[in-house]
Amino acid sequence: MKEELLLEYLKTVCPGRKRAQTSIRLEGKIQISGDGLRSLVNKLRRRGEPIASGPCGYFYALNAGEIYSTIQRLKKMILGLEAAVRGLEKALEKFGWAETSAEVQRDDGGDASG
């Protein structure tokens, strides 16, 4: 229900980069937490909805360029997260761990979340 509410809000109030709204504003409008908002945006994007984002917030993309910019930002985030994972895996050596994070997940019951 909130997923559709967010989608409709972005389509009508936030069409295009110039009408982007911050996460905090959207959280208030939809009555959801920051994590909840990011989860809804992720679900909508997975469905193929053109939900874009930038430094000014989230918006409903009006053209391919707006989507492409968001894709580039997300890819940059992925690279940063992968680097962080590699660093943490290296840090495991300080604790005598030589396994990969997948092996650590199995060893601790599957909850290797941050």
PDB file of N, CA and C in Angstrom:
ATOM      1  N   MET A   1       0.821  -1.191   0.000  1.00  0.00           N
ATOM      2  CA  MET A   1       0.000   0.000   0.000  1.00  0.00           C
ATOM      3  C   MET A   1       0.872   1.264   0.000  1.00  0.00           C
ATOM      4  N   LYS A   2       1.869   1.302   0.887  1.00  0.00           N
ATOM      5  CA  LYS A   2       2.762   2.467   0.929  1.00  0.00           C
ATOM      6  C   LYS A   2       3.594   2.546  -0.345  1.00  0.00           C
ATOM      7  N   GLU A   3       3.870   1.370  -0.920  1.00  0.00           N
ATOM      8  CA  GLU A   3       4.624   1.318  -2.166  1.00  0.00           C
ATOM      9  C   GLU A   3       3.887   2.101  -3.263  1.00  0.00           C
ATOM     10  N   GLU A   4       2.579   1.840  -3.393  1.00  0.00           N
ATOM     11  CA  GLU A   4       1.777   2.523  -4.405  1.00  0.00           C
ATOM     12  C   GLU A   4       1.591   4.004  -4.059  1.00  0.00           C
ATOM     13  N   LEU A   5       1.486   4.306  -2.789  1.00  0.00           N
ATOM     14  CA  LEU A   5       1.368   5.689  -2.344  1.00  0.00           C
ATOM     15  C   LEU A   5       2.624   6.472  -2.719  1.00  0.00           C
ATOM     16  N   LEU A   6       3.784   5.881  -2.469  1.00  0.00           N
ATOM     17  CA  LEU A   6       5.050   6.525  -2.823  1.00  0.00           C
ATOM     18  C   LEU A   6       5.148   6.725  -4.327  1.00  0.00           C
ATOM     19  N   LEU A   7       4.822   5.690  -5.085  1.00  0.00           N
ATOM     20  CA  LEU A   7       4.903   5.781  -6.544  1.00  0.00           C
ATOM     21  C   LEU A   7       4.005   6.907  -7.057  1.00  0.00           C
ATOM     22  N   GLU A   8       2.782   6.950  -6.590  1.00  0.00           N
ATOM     23  CA  GLU A   8       1.848   7.986  -7.038  1.00  0.00           C
ATOM     24  C   GLU A   8       2.344   9.374  -6.645  1.00  0.00           C
ATOM     25  N   TYR A   9       2.887   9.503  -5.438  1.00  0.00           N
ATOM     26  CA  TYR A   9       3.413  10.789  -4.981  1.00  0.00           C
ATOM     27  C   TYR A   9       4.566  11.238  -5.873  1.00  0.00           C
ATOM     28  N   LEU A  10       5.490  10.340  -6.152  1.00  0.00           N
ATOM     29  CA  LEU A  10       6.642  10.697  -6.987  1.00  0.00           C
ATOM     30  C   LEU A  10       6.186  11.074  -8.399  1.00  0.00           C
ATOM     31  N   LYS A  11       5.233  10.335  -8.953  1.00  0.00           N
ATOM     32  CA  LYS A  11       4.738  10.629 -10.305  1.00  0.00           C
ATOM     33  C   LYS A  11       4.083  12.005 -10.388  1.00  0.00           C
ATOM     34  N   THR A  12       3.310  12.349  -9.370  1.00  0.00           N
ATOM     35  CA  THR A  12       2.529  13.588  -9.446  1.00  0.00           C
ATOM     36  C   THR A  12       3.243  14.811  -8.887  1.00  0.00           C
ATOM     37  N   VAL A  13       4.013  14.629  -7.830  1.00  0.00           N
ATOM     38  CA  VAL A  13       4.643  15.774  -7.167  1.00  0.00           C
ATOM     39  C   VAL A  13       6.114  15.934  -7.553  1.00  0.00           C
ATOM     40  N   CYS A  14       6.760  14.840  -7.917  1.00  0.00           N
ATOM     41  CA  CYS A  14       8.212  14.864  -8.144  1.00  0.00           C
ATOM     42  C   CYS A  14       8.622  14.389  -9.538  1.00  0.00           C
ATOM     43  N   PRO A  15       7.951  14.869 -10.582  1.00  0.00           N
ATOM     44  CA  PRO A  15       8.385  14.449 -11.915  1.00  0.00           C
ATOM     45  C   PRO A  15       9.641  15.212 -12.342  1.00  0.00           C
ATOM     46  N   GLY A  16      10.701  14.508 -12.596  1.00  0.00           N
ATOM     47  CA  GLY A  16      11.935  15.133 -13.054  1.00  0.00           C
ATOM     48  C   GLY A  16      12.853  15.603 -11.943  1.00  0.00           C
ATOM     49  N   ARG A  17      14.126  15.668 -12.275  1.00  0.00           N
ATOM     50  CA  ARG A  17      15.185  16.035 -11.328  1.00  0.00           C
ATOM     51  C   ARG A  17      14.919  17.381 -10.636  1.00  0.00           C
ATOM     52  N   LYS A  18      14.358  18.341 -11.366  1.00  0.00           N
ATOM     53  CA  LYS A  18      14.127  19.672 -10.790  1.00  0.00           C
ATOM     54  C   LYS A  18      13.091  19.659  -9.675  1.00  0.00           C
ATOM     55  N   ARG A  19      12.302  18.594  -9.585  1.00  0.00           N
ATOM     56  CA  ARG A  19      11.272  18.507  -8.542  1.00  0.00           C
ATOM     57  C   ARG A  19      11.580  17.416  -7.510  1.00  0.00           C
ATOM     58  N   ALA A  20      12.840  17.028  -7.434  1.00  0.00           N
ATOM     59  CA  ALA A  20      13.250  15.995  -6.478  1.00  0.00           C
ATOM     60  C   ALA A  20      12.916  16.429  -5.057  1.00  0.00           C
ATOM     61  N   GLN A  21      12.614  15.444  -4.227  1.00  0.00           N
ATOM     62  CA  GLN A  21      12.332  15.718  -2.820  1.00  0.00           C
ATOM     63  C   GLN A  21      13.274  14.895  -1.957  1.00  0.00           C
ATOM     64  N   THR A  22      13.697  15.492  -0.861  1.00  0.00           N
ATOM     65  CA  THR A  22      14.629  14.817   0.035  1.00  0.00           C
ATOM     66  C   THR A  22      13.973  13.606   0.688  1.00  0.00           C
ATOM     67  N   SER A  23      14.819  12.721   1.146  1.00  0.00           N
ATOM     68  CA  SER A  23      14.366  11.532   1.851  1.00  0.00           C
ATOM     69  C   SER A  23      13.531  11.926   3.068  1.00  0.00           C
ATOM     70  N   ILE A  24      13.989  12.899   3.813  1.00  0.00           N
ATOM     71  CA  ILE A  24      13.276  13.320   5.029  1.00  0.00           C
ATOM     72  C   ILE A  24      11.868  13.808   4.696  1.00  0.00           C
ATOM     73  N   ARG A  25      11.742  14.570   3.643  1.00  0.00           N
ATOM     74  CA  ARG A  25      10.420  15.066   3.246  1.00  0.00           C
ATOM     75  C   ARG A  25       9.505  13.913   2.828  1.00  0.00           C
ATOM     76  N   LEU A  26      10.045  12.982   2.039  1.00  0.00           N
ATOM     77  CA  LEU A  26       9.248  11.832   1.603  1.00  0.00           C
ATOM     78  C   LEU A  26       8.856  10.950   2.784  1.00  0.00           C
ATOM     79  N   GLU A  27       9.777  10.781   3.720  1.00  0.00           N
ATOM     80  CA  GLU A  27       9.478   9.982   4.921  1.00  0.00           C
ATOM     81  C   GLU A  27       8.272  10.568   5.651  1.00  0.00           C
ATOM     82  N   GLY A  28       8.233  11.883   5.760  1.00  0.00           N
ATOM     83  CA  GLY A  28       7.116  12.542   6.417  1.00  0.00           C
ATOM     84  C   GLY A  28       5.817  12.412   5.638  1.00  0.00           C
ATOM     85  N   LYS A  29       5.893  12.561   4.336  1.00  0.00           N
ATOM     86  CA  LYS A  29       4.697  12.483   3.491  1.00  0.00           C
ATOM     87  C   LYS A  29       4.100  11.076   3.494  1.00  0.00           C
ATOM     88  N   ILE A  30       4.968  10.066   3.463  1.00  0.00           N
ATOM     89  CA  ILE A  30       4.510   8.674   3.379  1.00  0.00           C
ATOM     90  C   ILE A  30       4.369   8.047   4.769  1.00  0.00           C
ATOM     91  N   GLN A  31       4.870   8.745   5.787  1.00  0.00           N
ATOM     92  CA  GLN A  31       4.851   8.226   7.164  1.00  0.00           C
ATOM     93  C   GLN A  31       5.607   6.901   7.260  1.00  0.00           C
ATOM     94  N   ILE A  32       6.907   6.984   6.945  1.00  0.00           N
ATOM     95  CA  ILE A  32       7.764   5.804   6.914  1.00  0.00           C
ATOM     96  C   ILE A  32       9.163   6.198   7.359  1.00  0.00           C
ATOM     97  N   SER A  33       9.932   5.232   7.831  1.00  0.00           N
ATOM     98  CA  SER A  33      11.311   5.499   8.247  1.00  0.00           C
ATOM     99  C   SER A  33      12.219   5.626   7.024  1.00  0.00           C
ATOM    100  N   GLY A  34      13.418   6.092   7.262  1.00  0.00           N
ATOM    101  CA  GLY A  34      14.397   6.191   6.175  1.00  0.00           C
ATOM    102  C   GLY A  34      14.698   4.837   5.558  1.00  0.00           C
ATOM    103  N   ASP A  35      14.896   3.818   6.408  1.00  0.00           N
ATOM    104  CA  ASP A  35      15.143   2.462   5.894  1.00  0.00           C
ATOM    105  C   ASP A  35      13.939   1.955   5.110  1.00  0.00           C
ATOM    106  N   GLY A  36      12.751   2.255   5.609  1.00  0.00           N
ATOM    107  CA  GLY A  36      11.532   1.832   4.923  1.00  0.00           C
ATOM    108  C   GLY A  36      11.407   2.483   3.557  1.00  0.00           C
ATOM    109  N   LEU A  37      11.758   3.768   3.478  1.00  0.00           N
ATOM    110  CA  LEU A  37      11.712   4.484   2.204  1.00  0.00           C
ATOM    111  C   LEU A  37      12.676   3.863   1.209  1.00  0.00           C
ATOM    112  N   ARG A  38      13.905   3.617   1.653  1.00  0.00           N
ATOM    113  CA  ARG A  38      14.896   3.024   0.751  1.00  0.00           C
ATOM    114  C   ARG A  38      14.446   1.640   0.276  1.00  0.00           C
ATOM    115  N   SER A  39      13.809   0.892   1.156  1.00  0.00           N
ATOM    116  CA  SER A  39      13.295  -0.419   0.788  1.00  0.00           C
ATOM    117  C   SER A  39      12.191  -0.301  -0.272  1.00  0.00           C
ATOM    118  N   LEU A  40      11.292   0.659  -0.091  1.00  0.00           N
ATOM    119  CA  LEU A  40      10.224   0.860  -1.077  1.00  0.00           C
ATOM    120  C   LEU A  40      10.784   1.303  -2.427  1.00  0.00           C
ATOM    121  N   VAL A  41      11.746   2.218  -2.395  1.00  0.00           N
ATOM    122  CA  VAL A  41      12.369   2.676  -3.642  1.00  0.00           C
ATOM    123  C   VAL A  41      13.019   1.495  -4.347  1.00  0.00           C
ATOM    124  N   ASN A  42      13.712   0.645  -3.593  1.00  0.00           N
ATOM    125  CA  ASN A  42      14.353  -0.533  -4.158  1.00  0.00           C
ATOM    126  C   ASN A  42      13.317  -1.445  -4.820  1.00  0.00           C
ATOM    127  N   LYS A  43      12.202  -1.690  -4.138  1.00  0.00           N
ATOM    128  CA  LYS A  43      11.142  -2.545  -4.693  1.00  0.00           C
ATOM    129  C   LYS A  43      10.581  -1.956  -5.978  1.00  0.00           C
ATOM    130  N   LEU A  44      10.333  -0.655  -5.964  1.00  0.00           N
ATOM    131  CA  LEU A  44       9.792  -0.011  -7.162  1.00  0.00           C
ATOM    132  C   LEU A  44      10.774  -0.086  -8.323  1.00  0.00           C
ATOM    133  N   ARG A  45      12.034   0.139  -8.049  1.00  0.00           N
ATOM    134  CA  ARG A  45      13.045   0.040  -9.108  1.00  0.00           C
ATOM    135  C   ARG A  45      13.125  -1.375  -9.650  1.00  0.00           C
ATOM    136  N   ARG A  46      13.047  -2.365  -8.778  1.00  0.00           N
ATOM    137  CA  ARG A  46      13.087  -3.761  -9.228  1.00  0.00           C
ATOM    138  C   ARG A  46      11.901  -4.104 -10.115  1.00  0.00           C
ATOM    139  N   ARG A  47      10.787  -3.434  -9.884  1.00  0.00           N
ATOM    140  CA  ARG A  47       9.594  -3.614 -10.714  1.00  0.00           C
ATOM    141  C   ARG A  47       9.728  -2.923 -12.064  1.00  0.00           C
ATOM    142  N   GLY A  48      10.759  -2.098 -12.202  1.00  0.00           N
ATOM    143  CA  GLY A  48      10.969  -1.383 -13.453  1.00  0.00           C
ATOM    144  C   GLY A  48      10.454   0.043 -13.445  1.00  0.00           C
ATOM    145  N   GLU A  49      10.075   0.544 -12.288  1.00  0.00           N
ATOM    146  CA  GLU A  49       9.614   1.937 -12.197  1.00  0.00           C
ATOM    147  C   GLU A  49      10.840   2.855 -12.256  1.00  0.00           C
ATOM    148  N   PRO A  50      10.739   3.946 -13.005  1.00  0.00           N
ATOM    149  CA  PRO A  50      11.891   4.848 -13.171  1.00  0.00           C
ATOM    150  C   PRO A  50      12.084   5.818 -12.005  1.00  0.00           C
ATOM    151  N   ILE A  51      12.356   5.255 -10.839  1.00  0.00           N
ATOM    152  CA  ILE A  51      12.592   6.087  -9.666  1.00  0.00           C
ATOM    153  C   ILE A  51      14.080   6.443  -9.649  1.00  0.00           C
ATOM    154  N   ALA A  52      14.347   7.698  -9.819  1.00  0.00           N
ATOM    155  CA  ALA A  52      15.724   8.175  -9.884  1.00  0.00           C
ATOM    156  C   ALA A  52      16.055   8.926  -8.594  1.00  0.00           C
ATOM    157  N   SER A  53      17.334   9.205  -8.434  1.00  0.00           N
ATOM    158  CA  SER A  53      17.765   9.957  -7.258  1.00  0.00           C
ATOM    159  C   SER A  53      19.041  10.711  -7.587  1.00  0.00           C
ATOM    160  N   GLY A  54      19.286  11.713  -6.775  1.00  0.00           N
ATOM    161  CA  GLY A  54      20.479  12.520  -6.928  1.00  0.00           C
ATOM    162  C   GLY A  54      20.747  13.225  -5.617  1.00  0.00           C
ATOM    163  N   PRO A  55      21.682  14.149  -5.605  1.00  0.00           N
ATOM    164  CA  PRO A  55      22.017  14.860  -4.374  1.00  0.00           C
ATOM    165  C   PRO A  55      20.816  15.588  -3.744  1.00  0.00           C
ATOM    166  N   CYS A  56      19.833  15.937  -4.551  1.00  0.00           N
ATOM    167  CA  CYS A  56      18.673  16.675  -4.038  1.00  0.00           C
ATOM    168  C   CYS A  56      17.531  15.772  -3.588  1.00  0.00           C
ATOM    169  N   GLY A  57      17.644  14.476  -3.832  1.00  0.00           N
ATOM    170  CA  GLY A  57      16.596  13.570  -3.382  1.00  0.00           C
ATOM    171  C   GLY A  57      16.105  12.620  -4.457  1.00  0.00           C
ATOM    172  N   TYR A  58      14.892  12.116  -4.219  1.00  0.00           N
ATOM    173  CA  TYR A  58      14.264  11.157  -5.129  1.00  0.00           C
ATOM    174  C   TYR A  58      13.286  11.862  -6.051  1.00  0.00           C
ATOM    175  N   PHE A  59      13.112  11.269  -7.256  1.00  0.00           N
ATOM    176  CA  PHE A  59      12.159  11.822  -8.207  1.00  0.00           C
ATOM    177  C   PHE A  59      11.780  10.756  -9.226  1.00  0.00           C
ATOM    178  N   TYR A  60      10.689  11.007  -9.934  1.00  0.00           N
ATOM    179  CA  TYR A  60      10.220  10.124 -10.991  1.00  0.00           C
ATOM    180  C   TYR A  60      10.887  10.588 -12.279  1.00  0.00           C
ATOM    181  N   ALA A  61      11.741   9.745 -12.843  1.00  0.00           N
ATOM    182  CA  ALA A  61      12.527  10.130 -14.020  1.00  0.00           C
ATOM    183  C   ALA A  61      11.630  10.428 -15.220  1.00  0.00           C
ATOM    184  N   LEU A  62      11.990  11.465 -15.941  1.00  0.00           N
ATOM    185  CA  LEU A  62      11.242  11.857 -17.134  1.00  0.00           C
ATOM    186  C   LEU A  62      11.958  11.496 -18.427  1.00  0.00           C
ATOM    187  N   ASN A  63      13.239  11.102 -18.310  1.00  0.00           N
ATOM    188  CA  ASN A  63      13.984  10.760 -19.524  1.00  0.00           C
ATOM    189  C   ASN A  63      15.098   9.770 -19.195  1.00  0.00           C
ATOM    190  N   ALA A  64      15.683   9.217 -20.226  1.00  0.00           N
ATOM    191  CA  ALA A  64      16.729   8.210 -20.060  1.00  0.00           C
ATOM    192  C   ALA A  64      17.961   8.771 -19.346  1.00  0.00           C
ATOM    193  N   GLY A  65      18.260  10.038 -19.563  1.00  0.00           N
ATOM    194  CA  GLY A  65      19.421  10.653 -18.925  1.00  0.00           C
ATOM    195  C   GLY A  65      19.310  10.663 -17.407  1.00  0.00           C
ATOM    196  N   GLU A  66      18.103  10.912 -16.912  1.00  0.00           N
ATOM    197  CA  GLU A  66      17.906  10.913 -15.460  1.00  0.00           C
ATOM    198  C   GLU A  66      18.077   9.509 -14.879  1.00  0.00           C
ATOM    199  N   ILE A  67      17.614   8.525 -15.615  1.00  0.00           N
ATOM    200  CA  ILE A  67      17.788   7.138 -15.171  1.00  0.00           C
ATOM    201  C   ILE A  67      19.263   6.755 -15.238  1.00  0.00           C
ATOM    202  N   TYR A  68      19.918   7.115 -16.325  1.00  0.00           N
ATOM    203  CA  TYR A  68      21.327   6.773 -16.500  1.00  0.00           C
ATOM    204  C   TYR A  68      22.188   7.371 -15.387  1.00  0.00           C
ATOM    205  N   SER A  69      21.915   8.608 -15.005  1.00  0.00           N
ATOM    206  CA  SER A  69      22.675   9.238 -13.916  1.00  0.00           C
ATOM    207  C   SER A  69      22.515   8.458 -12.619  1.00  0.00           C
ATOM    208  N   THR A  70      21.292   8.003 -12.365  1.00  0.00           N
ATOM    209  CA  THR A  70      21.040   7.221 -11.155  1.00  0.00           C
ATOM    210  C   THR A  70      21.773   5.890 -11.223  1.00  0.00           C
ATOM    211  N   ILE A  71      21.753   5.248 -12.372  1.00  0.00           N
ATOM    212  CA  ILE A  71      22.470   3.983 -12.544  1.00  0.00           C
ATOM    213  C   ILE A  71      23.955   4.176 -12.262  1.00  0.00           C
ATOM    214  N   GLN A  72      24.529   5.245 -12.772  1.00  0.00           N
ATOM    215  CA  GLN A  72      25.955   5.512 -12.551  1.00  0.00           C
ATOM    216  C   GLN A  72      26.254   5.725 -11.066  1.00  0.00           C
ATOM    217  N   ARG A  73      25.386   6.460 -10.367  1.00  0.00           N
ATOM    218  CA  ARG A  73      25.575   6.675  -8.927  1.00  0.00           C
ATOM    219  C   ARG A  73      25.497   5.359  -8.168  1.00  0.00           C
ATOM    220  N   LEU A  74      24.528   4.502  -8.541  1.00  0.00           N
ATOM    221  CA  LEU A  74      24.372   3.213  -7.865  1.00  0.00           C
ATOM    222  C   LEU A  74      25.587   2.322  -8.109  1.00  0.00           C
ATOM    223  N   LYS A  75      26.108   2.327  -9.333  1.00  0.00           N
ATOM    224  CA  LYS A  75      27.301   1.519  -9.634  1.00  0.00           C
ATOM    225  C   LYS A  75      28.504   2.000  -8.814  1.00  0.00           C
ATOM    226  N   LYS A  76      28.604   3.302  -8.634  1.00  0.00           N
ATOM    227  CA  LYS A  76      29.693   3.852  -7.822  1.00  0.00           C
ATOM    228  C   LYS A  76      29.544   3.397  -6.364  1.00  0.00           C
ATOM    229  N   MET A  77      28.300   3.367  -5.878  1.00  0.00           N
ATOM    230  CA  MET A  77      28.036   2.894  -4.521  1.00  0.00           C
ATOM    231  C   MET A  77      28.418   1.424  -4.377  1.00  0.00           C
ATOM    232  N   ILE A  78      28.111   0.631  -5.401  1.00  0.00           N
ATOM    233  CA  ILE A  78      28.453  -0.789  -5.375  1.00  0.00           C
ATOM    234  C   ILE A  78      29.961  -0.960  -5.228  1.00  0.00           C
ATOM    235  N   LEU A  79      30.720  -0.199  -6.004  1.00  0.00           N
ATOM    236  CA  LEU A  79      32.181  -0.287  -5.923  1.00  0.00           C
ATOM    237  C   LEU A  79      32.670   0.064  -4.521  1.00  0.00           C
ATOM    238  N   GLY A  80      32.078   1.087  -3.930  1.00  0.00           N
ATOM    239  CA  GLY A  80      32.455   1.469  -2.578  1.00  0.00           C
ATOM    240  C   GLY A  80      32.115   0.393  -1.562  1.00  0.00           C
ATOM    241  N   LEU A  81      30.954  -0.220  -1.712  1.00  0.00           N
ATOM    242  CA  LEU A  81      30.557  -1.296  -0.794  1.00  0.00           C
ATOM    243  C   LEU A  81      31.459  -2.522  -0.959  1.00  0.00           C
ATOM    244  N   GLU A  82      31.803  -2.847  -2.200  1.00  0.00           N
ATOM    245  CA  GLU A  82      32.706  -3.981  -2.426  1.00  0.00           C
ATOM    246  C   GLU A  82      34.065  -3.720  -1.790  1.00  0.00           C
ATOM    247  N   ALA A  83      34.557  -2.489  -1.892  1.00  0.00           N
ATOM    248  CA  ALA A  83      35.837  -2.144  -1.271  1.00  0.00           C
ATOM    249  C   ALA A  83      35.747  -2.256   0.248  1.00  0.00           C
ATOM    250  N   ALA A  84      34.619  -1.837   0.814  1.00  0.00           N
ATOM    251  CA  ALA A  84      34.428  -1.945   2.260  1.00  0.00           C
ATOM    252  C   ALA A  84      34.405  -3.410   2.696  1.00  0.00           C
ATOM    253  N   VAL A  85      33.739  -4.261   1.912  1.00  0.00           N
ATOM    254  CA  VAL A  85      33.694  -5.696   2.233  1.00  0.00           C
ATOM    255  C   VAL A  85      35.100  -6.283   2.196  1.00  0.00           C
ATOM    256  N   ARG A  86      35.866  -5.939   1.160  1.00  0.00           N
ATOM    257  CA  ARG A  86      37.241  -6.449   1.075  1.00  0.00           C
ATOM    258  C   ARG A  86      38.067  -6.006   2.279  1.00  0.00           C
ATOM    259  N   GLY A  87      37.903  -4.759   2.674  1.00  0.00           N
ATOM    260  CA  GLY A  87      38.635  -4.252   3.841  1.00  0.00           C
ATOM    261  C   GLY A  87      38.243  -4.984   5.112  1.00  0.00           C
ATOM    262  N   LEU A  88      36.960  -5.232   5.281  1.00  0.00           N
ATOM    263  CA  LEU A  88      36.509  -5.953   6.475  1.00  0.00           C
ATOM    264  C   LEU A  88      36.964  -7.407   6.457  1.00  0.00           C
ATOM    265  N   GLU A  89      36.975  -8.017   5.272  1.00  0.00           N
ATOM    266  CA  GLU A  89      37.488  -9.385   5.178  1.00  0.00           C
ATOM    267  C   GLU A  89      38.966  -9.420   5.557  1.00  0.00           C
ATOM    268  N   LYS A  90      39.709  -8.392   5.145  1.00  0.00           N
ATOM    269  CA  LYS A  90      41.110  -8.301   5.526  1.00  0.00           C
ATOM    270  C   LYS A  90      41.241  -8.106   7.043  1.00  0.00           C
ATOM    271  N   ALA A  91      40.329  -7.332   7.616  1.00  0.00           N
ATOM    272  CA  ALA A  91      40.343  -7.093   9.058  1.00  0.00           C
ATOM    273  C   ALA A  91      40.094  -8.376   9.839  1.00  0.00           C
ATOM    274  N   LEU A  92      39.388  -9.319   9.237  1.00  0.00           N
ATOM    275  CA  LEU A  92      39.142 -10.605   9.909  1.00  0.00           C
ATOM    276  C   LEU A  92      40.448 -11.307  10.267  1.00  0.00           C
ATOM    277  N   GLU A  93      41.498 -11.051   9.487  1.00  0.00           N
ATOM    278  CA  GLU A  93      42.796 -11.672   9.754  1.00  0.00           C
ATOM    279  C   GLU A  93      43.307 -11.302  11.148  1.00  0.00           C
ATOM    280  N   LYS A  94      42.939 -10.121  11.606  1.00  0.00           N
ATOM    281  CA  LYS A  94      43.359  -9.685  12.938  1.00  0.00           C
ATOM    282  C   LYS A  94      42.723 -10.533  14.037  1.00  0.00           C
ATOM    283  N   PHE A  95      41.640 -11.197  13.684  1.00  0.00           N
ATOM    284  CA  PHE A  95      40.926 -12.044  14.633  1.00  0.00           C
ATOM    285  C   PHE A  95      41.192 -13.531  14.384  1.00  0.00           C
ATOM    286  N   GLY A  96      42.158 -13.795  13.497  1.00  0.00           N
ATOM    287  CA  GLY A  96      42.522 -15.176  13.203  1.00  0.00           C
ATOM    288  C   GLY A  96      41.611 -15.851  12.194  1.00  0.00           C
ATOM    289  N   TRP A  97      40.778 -15.078  11.505  1.00  0.00           N
ATOM    290  CA  TRP A  97      39.879 -15.645  10.494  1.00  0.00           C
ATOM    291  C   TRP A  97      40.557 -15.605   9.134  1.00  0.00           C
ATOM    292  N   ALA A  98      40.483 -16.692   8.417  1.00  0.00           N
ATOM    293  CA  ALA A  98      41.025 -16.731   7.067  1.00  0.00           C
ATOM    294  C   ALA A  98      39.921 -17.020   6.058  1.00  0.00           C
ATOM    295  N   GLU A  99      38.708 -17.335   6.543  1.00  0.00           N
ATOM    296  CA  GLU A  99      37.593 -17.669   5.655  1.00  0.00           C
ATOM    297  C   GLU A  99      37.042 -16.429   4.967  1.00  0.00           C
ATOM    298  N   THR A 100      36.264 -16.682   3.918  1.00  0.00           N
ATOM    299  CA  THR A 100      35.570 -15.585   3.250  1.00  0.00           C
ATOM    300  C   THR A 100      34.326 -15.244   4.042  1.00  0.00           C
ATOM    301  N   SER A 101      33.698 -14.140   3.708  1.00  0.00           N
ATOM    302  CA  SER A 101      32.501 -13.722   4.433  1.00  0.00           C
ATOM    303  C   SER A 101      31.387 -14.752   4.313  1.00  0.00           C
ATOM    304  N   ALA A 102      31.310 -15.489   3.197  1.00  0.00           N
ATOM    305  CA  ALA A 102      30.281 -16.524   3.047  1.00  0.00           C
ATOM    306  C   ALA A 102      30.505 -17.632   4.067  1.00  0.00           C
ATOM    307  N   GLU A 103      31.776 -17.989   4.306  1.00  0.00           N
ATOM    308  CA  GLU A 103      32.066 -19.034   5.289  1.00  0.00           C
ATOM    309  C   GLU A 103      31.778 -18.537   6.700  1.00  0.00           C
ATOM    310  N   VAL A 104      32.040 -17.265   6.958  1.00  0.00           N
ATOM    311  CA  VAL A 104      31.757 -16.688   8.274  1.00  0.00           C
ATOM    312  C   VAL A 104      30.260 -16.714   8.506  1.00  0.00           C
ATOM    313  N   GLN A 105      29.462 -16.382   7.478  1.00  0.00           N
ATOM    314  CA  GLN A 105      28.009 -16.407   7.597  1.00  0.00           C
ATOM    315  C   GLN A 105      27.523 -17.781   8.047  1.00  0.00           C
ATOM    316  N   ARG A 106      28.057 -18.821   7.431  1.00  0.00           N
ATOM    317  CA  ARG A 106      27.645 -20.179   7.796  1.00  0.00           C
ATOM    318  C   ARG A 106      28.035 -20.495   9.240  1.00  0.00           C
ATOM    319  N   ASP A 107      29.217 -20.042   9.654  1.00  0.00           N
ATOM    320  CA  ASP A 107      29.705 -20.341  10.980  1.00  0.00           C
ATOM    321  C   ASP A 107      28.924 -19.666  12.093  1.00  0.00           C
ATOM    322  N   ASP A 108      28.388 -18.480  11.821  1.00  0.00           N
ATOM    323  CA  ASP A 108      27.699 -17.768  12.901  1.00  0.00           C
ATOM    324  C   ASP A 108      26.184 -17.827  12.785  1.00  0.00           C
ATOM    325  N   GLY A 109      25.679 -18.785  12.069  1.00  0.00           N
ATOM    326  CA  GLY A 109      24.242 -18.954  11.974  1.00  0.00           C
ATOM    327  C   GLY A 109      23.608 -18.147  10.867  1.00  0.00           C
ATOM    328  N   GLY A 110      24.409 -17.569   9.976  1.00  0.00           N
ATOM    329  CA  GLY A 110      23.868 -16.878   8.830  1.00  0.00           C
ATOM    330  C   GLY A 110      23.613 -15.397   9.017  1.00  0.00           C
ATOM    331  N   ASP A 111      23.969 -14.853  10.157  1.00  0.00           N
ATOM    332  CA  ASP A 111      23.743 -13.419  10.354  1.00  0.00           C
ATOM    333  C   ASP A 111      25.074 -12.686  10.420  1.00  0.00           C
ATOM    334  N   ALA A 112      25.594 -12.369   9.250  1.00  0.00           N
ATOM    335  CA  ALA A 112      26.839 -11.614   9.187  1.00  0.00           C
ATOM    336  C   ALA A 112      26.552 -10.181   8.777  1.00  0.00           C
ATOM    337  N   SER A 113      25.401  -9.649   9.197  1.00  0.00           N
ATOM    338  CA  SER A 113      25.024  -8.296   8.819  1.00  0.00           C
ATOM    339  C   SER A 113      25.825  -7.270   9.615  1.00  0.00           C
ATOM    340  N   GLY A 114      25.873  -6.051   9.021  1.00  0.00           N
ATOM    341  CA  GLY A 114      26.671  -4.997   9.591  1.00  0.00           C
ATOM    342  C   GLY A 114      26.019  -4.311  10.699  1.00  0.00           C
TER     343      GLY A 114
END
